[in-house]
């Protein structure tokens, strides 16, 4: 089961006593800042949490599963996440 942004907002609001509307704004702005940095090709490092990076995937040749014909797949960028030590220990 996945935790949604709404559930995160509710949990933070409940634990801090802040209004949900204010917490939602902060959470959304945080996500917007991470997205903006990644779109510029920057790395986002959150100590004890992890690192978000943009990596380039090399071009390759794929295959259409229906027809079997080969299809060139161009180079593209993808976001990767590497968990920090604290997160790794807690998840284990």
PDB file of N, CA and C in Angstrom:
ATOM      1  N   UNK A   1       0.839  -1.178   0.000  1.00  0.00           N
ATOM      2  CA  UNK A   1       0.000   0.000   0.000  1.00  0.00           C
ATOM      3  C   UNK A   1       0.890   1.250   0.000  1.00  0.00           C
ATOM      4  N   UNK A   2       0.536   2.225  -0.771  1.00  0.00           N
ATOM      5  CA  UNK A   2       1.322   3.454  -0.893  1.00  0.00           C
ATOM      6  C   UNK A   2       0.728   4.560  -0.022  1.00  0.00           C
ATOM      7  N   UNK A   3       1.610   5.367   0.539  1.00  0.00           N
ATOM      8  CA  UNK A   3       1.165   6.535   1.308  1.00  0.00           C
ATOM      9  C   UNK A   3       1.026   7.694   0.332  1.00  0.00           C
ATOM     10  N   UNK A   4      -0.096   8.388   0.388  1.00  0.00           N
ATOM     11  CA  UNK A   4      -0.345   9.503  -0.528  1.00  0.00           C
ATOM     12  C   UNK A   4       0.114  10.820   0.095  1.00  0.00           C
ATOM     13  N   UNK A   5       0.190  11.842  -0.744  1.00  0.00           N
ATOM     14  CA  UNK A   5       0.554  13.168  -0.266  1.00  0.00           C
ATOM     15  C   UNK A   5      -0.469  13.649   0.776  1.00  0.00           C
ATOM     16  N   UNK A   6      -1.728  13.357   0.548  1.00  0.00           N
ATOM     17  CA  UNK A   6      -2.782  13.760   1.476  1.00  0.00           C
ATOM     18  C   UNK A   6      -2.563  13.114   2.849  1.00  0.00           C
ATOM     19  N   UNK A   7      -2.191  11.854   2.859  1.00  0.00           N
ATOM     20  CA  UNK A   7      -1.940  11.156   4.122  1.00  0.00           C
ATOM     21  C   UNK A   7      -0.728  11.746   4.852  1.00  0.00           C
ATOM     22  N   UNK A   8       0.286  12.134   4.095  1.00  0.00           N
ATOM     23  CA  UNK A   8       1.462  12.775   4.687  1.00  0.00           C
ATOM     24  C   UNK A   8       1.052  14.086   5.343  1.00  0.00           C
ATOM     25  N   UNK A   9       0.268  14.878   4.628  1.00  0.00           N
ATOM     26  CA  UNK A   9      -0.201  16.169   5.150  1.00  0.00           C
ATOM     27  C   UNK A   9      -1.009  15.951   6.429  1.00  0.00           C
ATOM     28  N   UNK A  10      -1.928  14.997   6.419  1.00  0.00           N
ATOM     29  CA  UNK A  10      -2.759  14.723   7.592  1.00  0.00           C
ATOM     30  C   UNK A  10      -1.909  14.308   8.793  1.00  0.00           C
ATOM     31  N   UNK A  11      -0.919  13.452   8.552  1.00  0.00           N
ATOM     32  CA  UNK A  11      -0.060  12.968   9.643  1.00  0.00           C
ATOM     33  C   UNK A  11       0.769  14.113  10.237  1.00  0.00           C
ATOM     34  N   UNK A  12       1.349  14.947   9.380  1.00  0.00           N
ATOM     35  CA  UNK A  12       2.157  16.075   9.865  1.00  0.00           C
ATOM     36  C   UNK A  12       1.276  17.064  10.627  1.00  0.00           C
ATOM     37  N   UNK A  13       0.101  17.367  10.087  1.00  0.00           N
ATOM     38  CA  UNK A  13      -0.816  18.308  10.739  1.00  0.00           C
ATOM     39  C   UNK A  13      -1.228  17.782  12.118  1.00  0.00           C
ATOM     40  N   UNK A  14      -1.505  16.499  12.182  1.00  0.00           N
ATOM     41  CA  UNK A  14      -1.919  15.882  13.442  1.00  0.00           C
ATOM     42  C   UNK A  14      -0.789  15.921  14.479  1.00  0.00           C
ATOM     43  N   UNK A  15       0.433  15.616  14.043  1.00  0.00           N
ATOM     44  CA  UNK A  15       1.560  15.543  14.973  1.00  0.00           C
ATOM     45  C   UNK A  15       2.092  16.913  15.393  1.00  0.00           C
ATOM     46  N   UNK A  16       1.899  17.930  14.555  1.00  0.00           N
ATOM     47  CA  UNK A  16       2.446  19.254  14.868  1.00  0.00           C
ATOM     48  C   UNK A  16       1.402  20.242  15.371  1.00  0.00           C
ATOM     49  N   UNK A  17       0.135  19.958  15.108  1.00  0.00           N
ATOM     50  CA  UNK A  17      -0.918  20.887  15.504  1.00  0.00           C
ATOM     51  C   UNK A  17      -1.092  22.034  14.520  1.00  0.00           C
ATOM     52  N   UNK A  18      -0.396  21.978  13.385  1.00  0.00           N
ATOM     53  CA  UNK A  18      -0.537  23.005  12.350  1.00  0.00           C
ATOM     54  C   UNK A  18      -1.782  22.722  11.513  1.00  0.00           C
ATOM     55  N   UNK A  19      -2.279  23.757  10.844  1.00  0.00           N
ATOM     56  CA  UNK A  19      -3.448  23.591   9.978  1.00  0.00           C
ATOM     57  C   UNK A  19      -3.063  22.792   8.740  1.00  0.00           C
ATOM     58  N   UNK A  20      -3.982  21.933   8.298  1.00  0.00           N
ATOM     59  CA  UNK A  20      -3.742  21.110   7.115  1.00  0.00           C
ATOM     60  C   UNK A  20      -3.427  21.957   5.889  1.00  0.00           C
ATOM     61  N   UNK A  21      -4.100  23.083   5.753  1.00  0.00           N
ATOM     62  CA  UNK A  21      -3.891  23.958   4.593  1.00  0.00           C
ATOM     63  C   UNK A  21      -2.443  24.451   4.555  1.00  0.00           C
ATOM     64  N   UNK A  22      -1.924  24.845   5.725  1.00  0.00           N
ATOM     65  CA  UNK A  22      -0.547  25.338   5.794  1.00  0.00           C
ATOM     66  C   UNK A  22       0.454  24.225   5.532  1.00  0.00           C
ATOM     67  N   UNK A  23       0.204  23.053   6.098  1.00  0.00           N
ATOM     68  CA  UNK A  23       1.097  21.907   5.896  1.00  0.00           C
ATOM     69  C   UNK A  23       1.103  21.515   4.416  1.00  0.00           C
ATOM     70  N   UNK A  24      -0.070  21.522   3.792  1.00  0.00           N
ATOM     71  CA  UNK A  24      -0.176  21.155   2.376  1.00  0.00           C
ATOM     72  C   UNK A  24       0.655  22.107   1.513  1.00  0.00           C
ATOM     73  N   UNK A  25       0.614  23.407   1.824  1.00  0.00           N
ATOM     74  CA  UNK A  25       1.395  24.393   1.075  1.00  0.00           C
ATOM     75  C   UNK A  25       2.891  24.118   1.205  1.00  0.00           C
ATOM     76  N   UNK A  26       3.335  23.806   2.415  1.00  0.00           N
ATOM     77  CA  UNK A  26       4.764  23.545   2.654  1.00  0.00           C
ATOM     78  C   UNK A  26       5.202  22.263   1.947  1.00  0.00           C
ATOM     79  N   UNK A  27       4.404  21.220   2.057  1.00  0.00           N
ATOM     80  CA  UNK A  27       4.735  19.949   1.402  1.00  0.00           C
ATOM     81  C   UNK A  27       4.790  20.145  -0.112  1.00  0.00           C
ATOM     82  N   UNK A  28       3.799  20.819  -0.681  1.00  0.00           N
ATOM     83  CA  UNK A  28       3.766  21.040  -2.126  1.00  0.00           C
ATOM     84  C   UNK A  28       4.942  21.892  -2.580  1.00  0.00           C
ATOM     85  N   UNK A  29       5.271  22.935  -1.833  1.00  0.00           N
ATOM     86  CA  UNK A  29       6.392  23.806  -2.187  1.00  0.00           C
ATOM     87  C   UNK A  29       7.712  23.029  -2.124  1.00  0.00           C
ATOM     88  N   UNK A  30       7.843  22.147  -1.149  1.00  0.00           N
ATOM     89  CA  UNK A  30       9.035  21.301  -1.041  1.00  0.00           C
ATOM     90  C   UNK A  30       9.174  20.423  -2.276  1.00  0.00           C
ATOM     91  N   UNK A  31       8.087  19.786  -2.668  1.00  0.00           N
ATOM     92  CA  UNK A  31       8.115  18.927  -3.860  1.00  0.00           C
ATOM     93  C   UNK A  31       8.385  19.743  -5.124  1.00  0.00           C
ATOM     94  N   UNK A  32       7.823  20.947  -5.197  1.00  0.00           N
ATOM     95  CA  UNK A  32       8.058  21.825  -6.348  1.00  0.00           C
ATOM     96  C   UNK A  32       9.531  22.214  -6.447  1.00  0.00           C
ATOM     97  N   UNK A  33      10.152  22.511  -5.303  1.00  0.00           N
ATOM     98  CA  UNK A  33      11.574  22.882  -5.292  1.00  0.00           C
ATOM     99  C   UNK A  33      12.448  21.715  -5.738  1.00  0.00           C
ATOM    100  N   UNK A  34      12.137  20.505  -5.277  1.00  0.00           N
ATOM    101  CA  UNK A  34      12.892  19.319  -5.688  1.00  0.00           C
ATOM    102  C   UNK A  34      12.742  19.112  -7.187  1.00  0.00           C
ATOM    103  N   UNK A  35      11.524  19.211  -7.689  1.00  0.00           N
ATOM    104  CA  UNK A  35      11.267  19.030  -9.119  1.00  0.00           C
ATOM    105  C   UNK A  35      11.990  20.079  -9.957  1.00  0.00           C
ATOM    106  N   UNK A  36      11.952  21.333  -9.514  1.00  0.00           N
ATOM    107  CA  UNK A  36      12.617  22.413 -10.253  1.00  0.00           C
ATOM    108  C   UNK A  36      14.132  22.185 -10.307  1.00  0.00           C
ATOM    109  N   UNK A  37      14.716  21.772  -9.208  1.00  0.00           N
ATOM    110  CA  UNK A  37      16.161  21.515  -9.183  1.00  0.00           C
ATOM    111  C   UNK A  37      16.528  20.367 -10.114  1.00  0.00           C
ATOM    112  N   UNK A  38      15.741  19.298 -10.075  1.00  0.00           N
ATOM    113  CA  UNK A  38      16.019  18.151 -10.947  1.00  0.00           C
ATOM    114  C   UNK A  38      15.848  18.512 -12.417  1.00  0.00           C
ATOM    115  N   UNK A  39      14.864  19.357 -12.725  1.00  0.00           N
ATOM    116  CA  UNK A  39      14.645  19.743 -14.123  1.00  0.00           C
ATOM    117  C   UNK A  39      15.809  20.570 -14.663  1.00  0.00           C
ATOM    118  N   UNK A  40      16.579  21.215 -13.758  1.00  0.00           N
ATOM    119  CA  UNK A  40      17.780  21.960 -14.157  1.00  0.00           C
ATOM    120  C   UNK A  40      19.005  21.064 -14.216  1.00  0.00           C
ATOM    121  N   UNK A  41      18.830  19.788 -13.885  1.00  0.00           N
ATOM    122  CA  UNK A  41      19.951  18.855 -13.897  1.00  0.00           C
ATOM    123  C   UNK A  41      20.740  18.835 -12.597  1.00  0.00           C
ATOM    124  N   UNK A  42      20.221  19.488 -11.576  1.00  0.00           N
ATOM    125  CA  UNK A  42      20.910  19.540 -10.288  1.00  0.00           C
ATOM    126  C   UNK A  42      20.615  18.283  -9.464  1.00  0.00           C
ATOM    127  N   UNK A  43      21.504  17.982  -8.532  1.00  0.00           N
ATOM    128  CA  UNK A  43      21.311  16.890  -7.594  1.00  0.00           C
ATOM    129  C   UNK A  43      20.679  17.453  -6.329  1.00  0.00           C
ATOM    130  N   UNK A  44      19.726  16.726  -5.753  1.00  0.00           N
ATOM    131  CA  UNK A  44      19.079  17.153  -4.518  1.00  0.00           C
ATOM    132  C   UNK A  44      19.477  16.166  -3.424  1.00  0.00           C
ATOM    133  N   UNK A  45      20.191  16.666  -2.428  1.00  0.00           N
ATOM    134  CA  UNK A  45      20.664  15.825  -1.329  1.00  0.00           C
ATOM    135  C   UNK A  45      19.953  16.225  -0.046  1.00  0.00           C
ATOM    136  N   UNK A  46      19.235  15.279   0.532  1.00  0.00           N
ATOM    137  CA  UNK A  46      18.542  15.489   1.793  1.00  0.00           C
ATOM    138  C   UNK A  46      19.246  14.612   2.831  1.00  0.00           C
ATOM    139  N   UNK A  47      20.045  15.224   3.688  1.00  0.00           N
ATOM    140  CA  UNK A  47      20.860  14.483   4.660  1.00  0.00           C
ATOM    141  C   UNK A  47      20.012  13.477   5.438  1.00  0.00           C
ATOM    142  N   UNK A  48      20.566  12.306   5.624  1.00  0.00           N
ATOM    143  CA  UNK A  48      19.946  11.193   6.349  1.00  0.00           C
ATOM    144  C   UNK A  48      18.687  10.641   5.670  1.00  0.00           C
ATOM    145  N   UNK A  49      18.328  11.189   4.529  1.00  0.00           N
ATOM    146  CA  UNK A  49      17.172  10.683   3.789  1.00  0.00           C
ATOM    147  C   UNK A  49      17.633  10.026   2.504  1.00  0.00           C
ATOM    148  N   UNK A  50      18.272  10.814   1.617  1.00  0.00           N
ATOM    149  CA  UNK A  50      18.757  10.257   0.372  1.00  0.00           C
ATOM    150  C   UNK A  50      19.108  11.331  -0.639  1.00  0.00           C
ATOM    151  N   UNK A  51      19.470  10.872  -1.834  1.00  0.00           N
ATOM    152  CA  UNK A  51      19.902  11.763  -2.908  1.00  0.00           C
ATOM    153  C   UNK A  51      19.095  11.471  -4.169  1.00  0.00           C
ATOM    154  N   UNK A  52      18.542  12.538  -4.750  1.00  0.00           N
ATOM    155  CA  UNK A  52      17.867  12.456  -6.041  1.00  0.00           C
ATOM    156  C   UNK A  52      18.835  12.955  -7.103  1.00  0.00           C
ATOM    157  N   UNK A  53      18.983  12.212  -8.206  1.00  0.00           N
ATOM    158  CA  UNK A  53      19.863  12.612  -9.311  1.00  0.00           C
ATOM    159  C   UNK A  53      19.145  12.394 -10.630  1.00  0.00           C
ATOM    160  N   UNK A  54      19.571  13.167 -11.626  1.00  0.00           N
ATOM    161  CA  UNK A  54      19.088  12.948 -12.985  1.00  0.00           C
ATOM    162  C   UNK A  54      20.190  12.205 -13.725  1.00  0.00           C
ATOM    163  N   UNK A  55      19.833  11.065 -14.299  1.00  0.00           N
ATOM    164  CA  UNK A  55      20.799  10.265 -15.050  1.00  0.00           C
ATOM    165  C   UNK A  55      20.341  10.170 -16.499  1.00  0.00           C
ATOM    166  N   UNK A  56      21.310  10.065 -17.391  1.00  0.00           N
ATOM    167  CA  UNK A  56      20.994   9.882 -18.810  1.00  0.00           C
ATOM    168  C   UNK A  56      20.983   8.391 -19.133  1.00  0.00           C
ATOM    169  N   UNK A  57      19.960   7.986 -19.820  1.00  0.00           N
ATOM    170  CA  UNK A  57      19.895   6.603 -20.301  1.00  0.00           C
ATOM    171  C   UNK A  57      20.346   6.591 -21.750  1.00  0.00           C
ATOM    172  N   UNK A  58      21.238   5.702 -22.059  1.00  0.00           N
ATOM    173  CA  UNK A  58      21.808   5.639 -23.405  1.00  0.00           C
ATOM    174  C   UNK A  58      20.742   5.225 -24.426  1.00  0.00           C
ATOM    175  N   UNK A  59      20.930   5.673 -25.672  1.00  0.00           N
ATOM    176  CA  UNK A  59      20.000   5.209 -26.715  1.00  0.00           C
ATOM    177  C   UNK A  59      20.196   3.715 -26.937  1.00  0.00           C
ATOM    178  N   UNK A  60      19.130   3.042 -27.326  1.00  0.00           N
ATOM    179  CA  UNK A  60      19.221   1.600 -27.543  1.00  0.00           C
ATOM    180  C   UNK A  60      18.202   1.175 -28.589  1.00  0.00           C
ATOM    181  N   UNK A  61      18.273  -0.076 -28.948  1.00  0.00           N
ATOM    182  CA  UNK A  61      17.329  -0.619 -29.917  1.00  0.00           C
ATOM    183  C   UNK A  61      16.351  -1.508 -29.164  1.00  0.00           C
ATOM    184  N   UNK A  62      15.062  -1.210 -29.302  1.00  0.00           N
ATOM    185  CA  UNK A  62      14.020  -2.011 -28.667  1.00  0.00           C
ATOM    186  C   UNK A  62      13.273  -2.816 -29.710  1.00  0.00           C
ATOM    187  N   UNK A  63      12.265  -3.549 -29.253  1.00  0.00           N
ATOM    188  CA  UNK A  63      11.494  -4.379 -30.167  1.00  0.00           C
ATOM    189  C   UNK A  63      10.020  -4.214 -29.859  1.00  0.00           C
ATOM    190  N   UNK A  64       9.223  -4.019 -30.897  1.00  0.00           N
ATOM    191  CA  UNK A  64       7.781  -3.953 -30.754  1.00  0.00           C
ATOM    192  C   UNK A  64       7.282  -5.374 -30.471  1.00  0.00           C
ATOM    193  N   UNK A  65       6.672  -5.617 -29.298  1.00  0.00           N
ATOM    194  CA  UNK A  65       6.261  -6.981 -28.960  1.00  0.00           C
ATOM    195  C   UNK A  65       5.174  -7.559 -29.868  1.00  0.00           C
ATOM    196  N   UNK A  66       4.346  -6.709 -30.454  1.00  0.00           N
ATOM    197  CA  UNK A  66       3.280  -7.215 -31.334  1.00  0.00           C
ATOM    198  C   UNK A  66       3.822  -7.637 -32.695  1.00  0.00           C
ATOM    199  N   UNK A  67       4.641  -6.766 -33.296  1.00  0.00           N
ATOM    200  CA  UNK A  67       5.092  -7.022 -34.672  1.00  0.00           C
ATOM    201  C   UNK A  67       6.483  -7.636 -34.731  1.00  0.00           C
ATOM    202  N   UNK A  68       7.256  -7.478 -33.670  1.00  0.00           N
ATOM    203  CA  UNK A  68       8.618  -8.018 -33.670  1.00  0.00           C
ATOM    204  C   UNK A  68       9.627  -7.115 -34.363  1.00  0.00           C
ATOM    205  N   UNK A  69       9.183  -5.980 -34.901  1.00  0.00           N
ATOM    206  CA  UNK A  69      10.109  -5.085 -35.589  1.00  0.00           C
ATOM    207  C   UNK A  69      10.958  -4.323 -34.570  1.00  0.00           C
ATOM    208  N   UNK A  70      12.187  -4.006 -34.977  1.00  0.00           N
ATOM    209  CA  UNK A  70      13.071  -3.256 -34.084  1.00  0.00           C
ATOM    210  C   UNK A  70      12.745  -1.771 -34.165  1.00  0.00           C
ATOM    211  N   UNK A  71      12.875  -1.115 -33.027  1.00  0.00           N
ATOM    212  CA  UNK A  71      12.544   0.298 -32.922  1.00  0.00           C
ATOM    213  C   UNK A  71      13.682   1.008 -32.182  1.00  0.00           C
ATOM    214  N   UNK A  72      14.225   2.090 -32.761  1.00  0.00           N
ATOM    215  CA  UNK A  72      15.267   2.816 -32.038  1.00  0.00           C
ATOM    216  C   UNK A  72      14.659   3.612 -30.879  1.00  0.00           C
ATOM    217  N   UNK A  73      15.275   3.505 -29.715  1.00  0.00           N
ATOM    218  CA  UNK A  73      14.826   4.252 -28.537  1.00  0.00           C
ATOM    219  C   UNK A  73      15.889   5.307 -28.258  1.00  0.00           C
ATOM    220  N   UNK A  74      15.515   6.586 -28.322  1.00  0.00           N
ATOM    221  CA  UNK A  74      16.505   7.656 -28.151  1.00  0.00           C
ATOM    222  C   UNK A  74      16.992   7.783 -26.707  1.00  0.00           C
ATOM    223  N   UNK A  75      18.081   8.521 -26.539  1.00  0.00           N
ATOM    224  CA  UNK A  75      18.595   8.816 -25.204  1.00  0.00           C
ATOM    225  C   UNK A  75      17.539   9.605 -24.444  1.00  0.00           C
ATOM    226  N   UNK A  76      17.457   9.347 -23.147  1.00  0.00           N
ATOM    227  CA  UNK A  76      16.503  10.100 -22.338  1.00  0.00           C
ATOM    228  C   UNK A  76      17.037  10.234 -20.920  1.00  0.00           C
ATOM    229  N   UNK A  77      16.437  11.122 -20.188  1.00  0.00           N
ATOM    230  CA  UNK A  77      16.853  11.359 -18.808  1.00  0.00           C
ATOM    231  C   UNK A  77      15.842  10.721 -17.866  1.00  0.00           C
ATOM    232  N   UNK A  78      16.363  10.230 -16.732  1.00  0.00           N
ATOM    233  CA  UNK A  78      15.510   9.614 -15.733  1.00  0.00           C
ATOM    234  C   UNK A  78      15.990  10.027 -14.350  1.00  0.00           C
ATOM    235  N   UNK A  79      15.060  10.119 -13.415  1.00  0.00           N
ATOM    236  CA  UNK A  79      15.407  10.473 -12.039  1.00  0.00           C
ATOM    237  C   UNK A  79      15.709   9.194 -11.271  1.00  0.00           C
ATOM    238  N   UNK A  80      16.818   9.222 -10.519  1.00  0.00           N
ATOM    239  CA  UNK A  80      17.144   8.079  -9.666  1.00  0.00           C
ATOM    240  C   UNK A  80      17.211   8.558  -8.220  1.00  0.00           C
ATOM    241  N   UNK A  81      16.994   7.634  -7.300  1.00  0.00           N
ATOM    242  CA  UNK A  81      17.036   7.954  -5.876  1.00  0.00           C
ATOM    243  C   UNK A  81      17.910   6.932  -5.183  1.00  0.00           C
ATOM    244  N   UNK A  82      18.820   7.422  -4.352  1.00  0.00           N
ATOM    245  CA  UNK A  82      19.658   6.536  -3.549  1.00  0.00           C
ATOM    246  C   UNK A  82      19.393   6.872  -2.087  1.00  0.00           C
ATOM    247  N   UNK A  83      18.919   5.880  -1.336  1.00  0.00           N
ATOM    248  CA  UNK A  83      18.565   6.095   0.067  1.00  0.00           C
ATOM    249  C   UNK A  83      19.796   6.379   0.908  1.00  0.00           C
ATOM    250  N   UNK A  84      19.626   7.236   1.909  1.00  0.00           N
ATOM    251  CA  UNK A  84      20.693   7.551   2.850  1.00  0.00           C
ATOM    252  C   UNK A  84      20.824   6.463   3.902  1.00  0.00           C
ATOM    253  N   UNK A  85      21.900   6.517   4.682  1.00  0.00           N
ATOM    254  CA  UNK A  85      22.187   5.485   5.664  1.00  0.00           C
ATOM    255  C   UNK A  85      21.077   5.348   6.718  1.00  0.00           C
ATOM    256  N   UNK A  86      20.571   6.462   7.215  1.00  0.00           N
ATOM    257  CA  UNK A  86      19.540   6.412   8.247  1.00  0.00           C
ATOM    258  C   UNK A  86      18.292   5.707   7.704  1.00  0.00           C
ATOM    259  N   UNK A  87      17.898   6.058   6.479  1.00  0.00           N
ATOM    260  CA  UNK A  87      16.722   5.417   5.879  1.00  0.00           C
ATOM    261  C   UNK A  87      16.971   3.932   5.672  1.00  0.00           C
ATOM    262  N   UNK A  88      18.147   3.588   5.154  1.00  0.00           N
ATOM    263  CA  UNK A  88      18.465   2.165   4.927  1.00  0.00           C
ATOM    264  C   UNK A  88      18.341   1.367   6.211  1.00  0.00           C
ATOM    265  N   UNK A  89      18.863   1.915   7.301  1.00  0.00           N
ATOM    266  CA  UNK A  89      18.811   1.207   8.592  1.00  0.00           C
ATOM    267  C   UNK A  89      17.368   1.044   9.087  1.00  0.00           C
ATOM    268  N   UNK A  90      16.554   2.078   8.923  1.00  0.00           N
ATOM    269  CA  UNK A  90      15.171   2.016   9.406  1.00  0.00           C
ATOM    270  C   UNK A  90      14.309   1.089   8.559  1.00  0.00           C
ATOM    271  N   UNK A  91      14.595   1.003   7.261  1.00  0.00           N
ATOM    272  CA  UNK A  91      13.810   0.171   6.368  1.00  0.00           C
ATOM    273  C   UNK A  91      14.147  -1.313   6.551  1.00  0.00           C
ATOM    274  N   UNK A  92      15.398  -1.596   6.892  1.00  0.00           N
ATOM    275  CA  UNK A  92      15.812  -2.997   7.098  1.00  0.00           C
ATOM    276  C   UNK A  92      15.017  -3.590   8.162  1.00  0.00           C
TER     277      UNK A  92
END
